[in-house]
N, C-alpha and C. Protein backbone atom coordinates (compact mmCIF):
# COMPACT_ATOMS: atom_id res chain seq x y z
N MET A 1 79.95 2.87 25.82
CA MET A 1 80.42 4.24 25.92
C MET A 1 81.60 4.41 24.97
N ASN A 2 81.52 5.42 24.11
CA ASN A 2 82.61 5.60 23.16
C ASN A 2 83.76 6.39 23.78
N LYS A 3 84.88 6.38 23.12
CA LYS A 3 86.10 6.96 23.67
C LYS A 3 85.98 8.46 23.90
N GLU A 4 85.26 9.17 23.03
CA GLU A 4 85.09 10.61 23.21
C GLU A 4 84.36 10.92 24.52
N VAL A 5 83.36 10.13 24.84
CA VAL A 5 82.61 10.32 26.08
C VAL A 5 83.51 10.02 27.28
N ILE A 6 84.30 8.98 27.17
CA ILE A 6 85.25 8.63 28.24
C ILE A 6 86.19 9.80 28.49
N ILE A 7 86.77 10.33 27.42
CA ILE A 7 87.73 11.43 27.55
C ILE A 7 87.07 12.66 28.17
N GLU A 8 85.87 13.00 27.73
CA GLU A 8 85.15 14.16 28.28
C GLU A 8 84.89 13.98 29.78
N LYS A 9 84.44 12.79 30.17
CA LYS A 9 84.18 12.52 31.59
C LYS A 9 85.45 12.59 32.42
N VAL A 10 86.51 11.99 31.91
CA VAL A 10 87.78 11.99 32.64
C VAL A 10 88.29 13.42 32.82
N ILE A 11 88.31 14.18 31.75
CA ILE A 11 88.78 15.56 31.85
C ILE A 11 87.92 16.35 32.83
N GLY A 12 86.61 16.14 32.79
CA GLY A 12 85.71 16.84 33.69
C GLY A 12 86.02 16.59 35.15
N PHE A 13 86.20 15.33 35.54
CA PHE A 13 86.45 15.08 36.96
C PHE A 13 87.90 15.38 37.34
N LEU A 14 88.83 15.32 36.40
CA LEU A 14 90.21 15.69 36.72
C LEU A 14 90.32 17.18 37.02
N ILE A 15 89.63 17.99 36.24
CA ILE A 15 89.62 19.43 36.48
C ILE A 15 89.05 19.73 37.85
N GLU A 16 87.96 19.06 38.18
CA GLU A 16 87.30 19.29 39.46
C GLU A 16 88.09 18.72 40.64
N GLU A 17 88.50 17.47 40.55
CA GLU A 17 89.16 16.79 41.67
C GLU A 17 90.60 17.24 41.90
N PHE A 18 91.33 17.50 40.82
CA PHE A 18 92.75 17.80 40.94
C PHE A 18 93.08 19.26 40.67
N GLU A 19 92.05 20.07 40.43
CA GLU A 19 92.20 21.51 40.22
C GLU A 19 93.29 21.82 39.20
N VAL A 20 93.22 21.14 38.09
CA VAL A 20 94.18 21.34 37.01
C VAL A 20 93.48 22.08 35.87
N ASP A 21 94.24 22.86 35.13
CA ASP A 21 93.71 23.58 33.97
C ASP A 21 93.42 22.57 32.86
N GLY A 22 92.24 22.62 32.31
CA GLY A 22 91.84 21.69 31.25
C GLY A 22 92.76 21.75 30.05
N ASP A 23 93.37 22.91 29.78
CA ASP A 23 94.28 23.03 28.65
C ASP A 23 95.56 22.22 28.84
N ASP A 24 95.88 21.90 30.10
CA ASP A 24 97.08 21.11 30.39
C ASP A 24 96.86 19.62 30.14
N ILE A 25 95.61 19.21 30.03
CA ILE A 25 95.29 17.80 29.84
C ILE A 25 95.25 17.50 28.34
N GLN A 26 96.40 17.11 27.83
CA GLN A 26 96.57 16.77 26.43
C GLN A 26 96.89 15.28 26.33
N PRO A 27 96.50 14.63 25.24
CA PRO A 27 96.71 13.18 25.12
C PRO A 27 98.16 12.74 25.37
N ASP A 28 99.13 13.54 24.92
CA ASP A 28 100.53 13.12 25.07
C ASP A 28 101.20 13.69 26.32
N ALA A 29 100.46 14.43 27.15
CA ALA A 29 101.01 14.97 28.40
C ALA A 29 101.19 13.84 29.41
N ILE A 30 102.19 13.99 30.25
CA ILE A 30 102.47 12.99 31.28
C ILE A 30 101.47 13.14 32.42
N LEU A 31 100.71 12.08 32.67
CA LEU A 31 99.64 12.08 33.66
C LEU A 31 100.16 12.49 35.04
N LYS A 32 101.19 11.82 35.53
CA LYS A 32 101.69 12.05 36.88
C LYS A 32 102.20 13.48 37.05
N ASP A 33 102.93 13.98 36.07
CA ASP A 33 103.49 15.32 36.16
C ASP A 33 102.42 16.40 36.05
N THR A 34 101.51 16.23 35.13
CA THR A 34 100.47 17.23 34.91
C THR A 34 99.57 17.36 36.13
N LEU A 35 99.20 16.23 36.72
CA LEU A 35 98.31 16.25 37.88
C LEU A 35 99.07 16.36 39.20
N GLN A 36 100.40 16.31 39.14
CA GLN A 36 101.26 16.34 40.33
C GLN A 36 100.79 15.29 41.35
N LEU A 37 100.71 14.05 40.87
CA LEU A 37 100.19 12.96 41.68
C LEU A 37 101.20 12.43 42.69
N ASP A 38 100.71 12.24 43.91
CA ASP A 38 101.47 11.48 44.90
C ASP A 38 100.67 10.22 45.19
N SER A 39 101.14 9.41 46.12
CA SER A 39 100.47 8.12 46.36
C SER A 39 99.02 8.28 46.81
N LEU A 40 98.72 9.28 47.60
CA LEU A 40 97.33 9.50 48.02
C LEU A 40 96.46 9.97 46.86
N ASP A 41 97.05 10.74 45.96
CA ASP A 41 96.30 11.19 44.79
C ASP A 41 95.90 10.03 43.90
N TYR A 42 96.77 9.02 43.82
CA TYR A 42 96.42 7.83 43.03
C TYR A 42 95.18 7.14 43.61
N VAL A 43 95.07 7.14 44.92
CA VAL A 43 93.88 6.56 45.57
C VAL A 43 92.65 7.36 45.15
N ASP A 44 92.75 8.68 45.19
CA ASP A 44 91.63 9.54 44.77
C ASP A 44 91.28 9.29 43.30
N LEU A 45 92.30 9.11 42.49
CA LEU A 45 92.08 8.84 41.07
C LEU A 45 91.34 7.52 40.86
N VAL A 46 91.74 6.49 41.58
CA VAL A 46 91.09 5.18 41.49
C VAL A 46 89.63 5.29 41.94
N VAL A 47 89.39 5.99 43.03
CA VAL A 47 88.02 6.16 43.53
C VAL A 47 87.18 6.92 42.50
N SER A 48 87.74 7.93 41.88
CA SER A 48 87.01 8.70 40.87
C SER A 48 86.65 7.83 39.67
N ILE A 49 87.58 6.98 39.25
CA ILE A 49 87.31 6.09 38.11
C ILE A 49 86.20 5.11 38.48
N GLU A 50 86.28 4.55 39.67
CA GLU A 50 85.26 3.59 40.10
C GLU A 50 83.89 4.24 40.18
N SER A 51 83.81 5.46 40.72
CA SER A 51 82.51 6.10 40.87
C SER A 51 81.96 6.62 39.54
N ASN A 52 82.84 7.03 38.63
CA ASN A 52 82.38 7.57 37.35
C ASN A 52 82.13 6.50 36.28
N PHE A 53 82.86 5.40 36.36
CA PHE A 53 82.76 4.38 35.31
C PHE A 53 82.36 3.00 35.81
N GLY A 54 82.39 2.79 37.10
CA GLY A 54 82.00 1.49 37.63
C GLY A 54 82.99 0.38 37.37
N VAL A 55 84.25 0.74 37.15
CA VAL A 55 85.30 -0.26 36.96
C VAL A 55 86.35 -0.11 38.05
N LYS A 56 86.95 -1.22 38.42
CA LYS A 56 87.98 -1.21 39.46
C LYS A 56 89.36 -1.18 38.82
N LEU A 57 90.21 -0.36 39.41
CA LEU A 57 91.61 -0.31 38.99
C LEU A 57 92.46 -0.76 40.17
N VAL A 58 93.53 -1.46 39.84
CA VAL A 58 94.49 -1.88 40.87
C VAL A 58 95.84 -1.29 40.52
N GLU A 59 96.75 -1.38 41.45
CA GLU A 59 98.07 -0.78 41.27
C GLU A 59 98.74 -1.25 39.98
N ALA A 60 98.62 -2.52 39.69
CA ALA A 60 99.26 -3.08 38.49
C ALA A 60 98.74 -2.45 37.21
N ASP A 61 97.50 -1.95 37.22
CA ASP A 61 96.93 -1.30 36.03
C ASP A 61 97.72 -0.06 35.63
N PHE A 62 98.36 0.57 36.60
CA PHE A 62 99.07 1.81 36.32
C PHE A 62 100.50 1.58 35.82
N ALA A 63 100.94 0.34 35.75
CA ALA A 63 102.31 0.03 35.35
C ALA A 63 102.65 0.61 33.98
N GLY A 64 101.75 0.52 33.04
CA GLY A 64 102.04 1.01 31.69
C GLY A 64 101.45 2.37 31.38
N ILE A 65 100.96 3.04 32.40
CA ILE A 65 100.30 4.32 32.19
C ILE A 65 101.29 5.46 32.37
N SER A 66 101.46 6.24 31.31
CA SER A 66 102.34 7.41 31.43
C SER A 66 101.62 8.67 30.96
N THR A 67 100.93 8.58 29.85
CA THR A 67 100.25 9.75 29.29
C THR A 67 98.74 9.66 29.53
N PHE A 68 98.09 10.77 29.27
CA PHE A 68 96.63 10.76 29.38
C PHE A 68 96.03 9.79 28.37
N GLN A 69 96.62 9.69 27.18
CA GLN A 69 96.10 8.76 26.18
C GLN A 69 96.14 7.32 26.68
N THR A 70 97.24 6.92 27.30
CA THR A 70 97.31 5.55 27.81
C THR A 70 96.32 5.35 28.96
N PHE A 71 96.06 6.41 29.71
CA PHE A 71 95.06 6.36 30.79
C PHE A 71 93.66 6.17 30.20
N TYR A 72 93.34 6.94 29.16
CA TYR A 72 92.03 6.78 28.49
C TYR A 72 91.88 5.37 27.94
N ASP A 73 92.96 4.87 27.34
CA ASP A 73 92.93 3.52 26.77
C ASP A 73 92.67 2.47 27.86
N LEU A 74 93.29 2.65 29.02
CA LEU A 74 93.08 1.73 30.14
C LEU A 74 91.60 1.70 30.54
N ILE A 75 91.00 2.86 30.69
CA ILE A 75 89.59 2.93 31.08
C ILE A 75 88.71 2.30 30.00
N ASP A 76 89.00 2.62 28.75
CA ASP A 76 88.24 2.05 27.64
C ASP A 76 88.33 0.52 27.66
N ASN A 77 89.52 -0.02 27.85
CA ASN A 77 89.70 -1.48 27.89
C ASN A 77 88.98 -2.11 29.07
N LYS A 78 89.03 -1.46 30.23
CA LYS A 78 88.34 -1.96 31.41
C LYS A 78 86.82 -2.00 31.18
N LEU A 79 86.31 -0.96 30.52
CA LEU A 79 84.88 -0.92 30.23
C LEU A 79 84.48 -2.02 29.25
N LYS A 80 85.33 -2.29 28.28
CA LYS A 80 85.04 -3.35 27.30
C LYS A 80 85.02 -4.72 27.98
N LEU A 81 85.92 -4.92 28.96
CA LEU A 81 85.97 -6.19 29.68
C LEU A 81 84.76 -6.35 30.60
N LYS A 82 84.21 -5.24 31.03
CA LYS A 82 83.06 -5.25 31.94
C LYS A 82 81.79 -5.75 31.27
N VAL A 83 81.69 -5.51 29.97
CA VAL A 83 80.48 -5.86 29.23
C VAL A 83 80.35 -7.34 29.02
């Protein structure tokens, strides 16, 4: 799966699951602030990633995640490790 497909899928389920405006999801936007994430929302986010991409995320994976771009990169790297 190429990065463009990953980004499209992520944006699609973020709009649906977190009721955020797609225009607010920019590569350099802050993930937590844009989605107004609390601890329960992170659980929903992890479940969405697992169901959409078949990869598992753990709390430590989010340590370096600040922007949507770093989030896309995390998913891309997890998918590469899965193969």
